[in-house]
Amino acid sequence: MMDKTEKLKDKLDTIPNLPGIYKMLDKSGRIIYIGKSISLRSRVRSYFTHRHEWSKIE
């Protein structure tokens, strides 16, 4: 059985390495941020691998 880290890594690997728009949701499913990126995979991965000072990301 996979642990949470392995499941997250597998899910991140399915995100295309293409330009696009993404949205962040809070625990209730409400949109808290909409962004755009040249590489969706890199941008989304950065939210899970770096320490952020923006409280919405935490």
Protein backbone atom coordinates (compact mmCIF):
# COMPACT_ATOMS: atom_id res chain seq x y z
CA MET A 1 0.00 0.00 0.00
CA MET A 2 1.27 3.49 -0.88
CA ASP A 3 1.82 6.13 1.74
CA LYS A 4 0.63 9.73 1.30
CA THR A 5 3.99 10.91 -0.02
CA GLU A 6 4.07 8.27 -2.76
CA LYS A 7 0.45 9.00 -3.74
CA LEU A 8 1.18 12.72 -3.95
CA LYS A 9 4.31 12.13 -6.03
CA ASP A 10 2.39 9.91 -8.44
CA LYS A 11 -0.36 12.51 -8.77
CA LEU A 12 2.14 15.34 -9.38
CA ASP A 13 3.76 13.26 -12.13
CA THR A 14 0.45 13.19 -14.04
CA ILE A 15 0.29 17.00 -14.35
CA PRO A 16 1.37 18.13 -17.82
CA ASN A 17 4.59 20.06 -18.25
CA LEU A 18 2.71 22.66 -20.33
CA PRO A 19 1.48 26.23 -19.87
CA GLY A 20 -1.87 26.60 -18.20
CA ILE A 21 -4.12 28.01 -15.53
CA TYR A 22 -4.65 26.41 -12.12
CA LYS A 23 -6.76 27.07 -9.04
CA MET A 24 -6.16 26.52 -5.34
CA LEU A 25 -9.03 25.42 -3.15
CA ASP A 26 -9.43 25.64 0.62
CA LYS A 27 -10.61 22.72 2.74
CA SER A 28 -14.23 23.60 1.92
CA GLY A 29 -13.60 23.53 -1.81
CA ARG A 30 -13.79 27.30 -2.25
CA ILE A 31 -11.38 28.91 -4.71
CA ILE A 32 -8.73 30.90 -2.84
CA TYR A 33 -6.33 31.57 -5.72
CA ILE A 34 -6.20 31.33 -9.51
CA GLY A 35 -2.82 31.42 -11.18
CA LYS A 36 -1.08 30.80 -14.45
CA SER A 37 2.22 29.18 -15.24
CA ILE A 38 4.52 28.35 -18.11
CA SER A 39 4.91 24.85 -16.61
CA LEU A 40 1.97 23.58 -14.58
CA ARG A 41 3.93 20.62 -13.25
CA SER A 42 6.76 22.80 -11.92
CA ARG A 43 4.41 25.36 -10.39
CA VAL A 44 2.16 22.87 -8.63
CA ARG A 45 5.13 20.82 -7.45
CA SER A 46 6.66 23.96 -5.92
CA TYR A 47 3.68 24.31 -3.59
CA PHE A 48 4.50 20.91 -2.07
CA THR A 49 8.30 21.08 -1.96
CA HIS A 50 9.15 24.59 -0.73
CA ARG A 51 8.44 26.49 2.46
CA HIS A 52 6.03 29.35 1.72
CA GLU A 53 5.41 32.53 3.69
CA TRP A 54 1.99 33.12 2.13
CA SER A 55 -0.53 31.87 4.71
CA LYS A 56 -3.05 30.68 2.11
CA ILE A 57 -0.53 28.15 0.82
CA GLU A 58 0.22 26.82 4.29
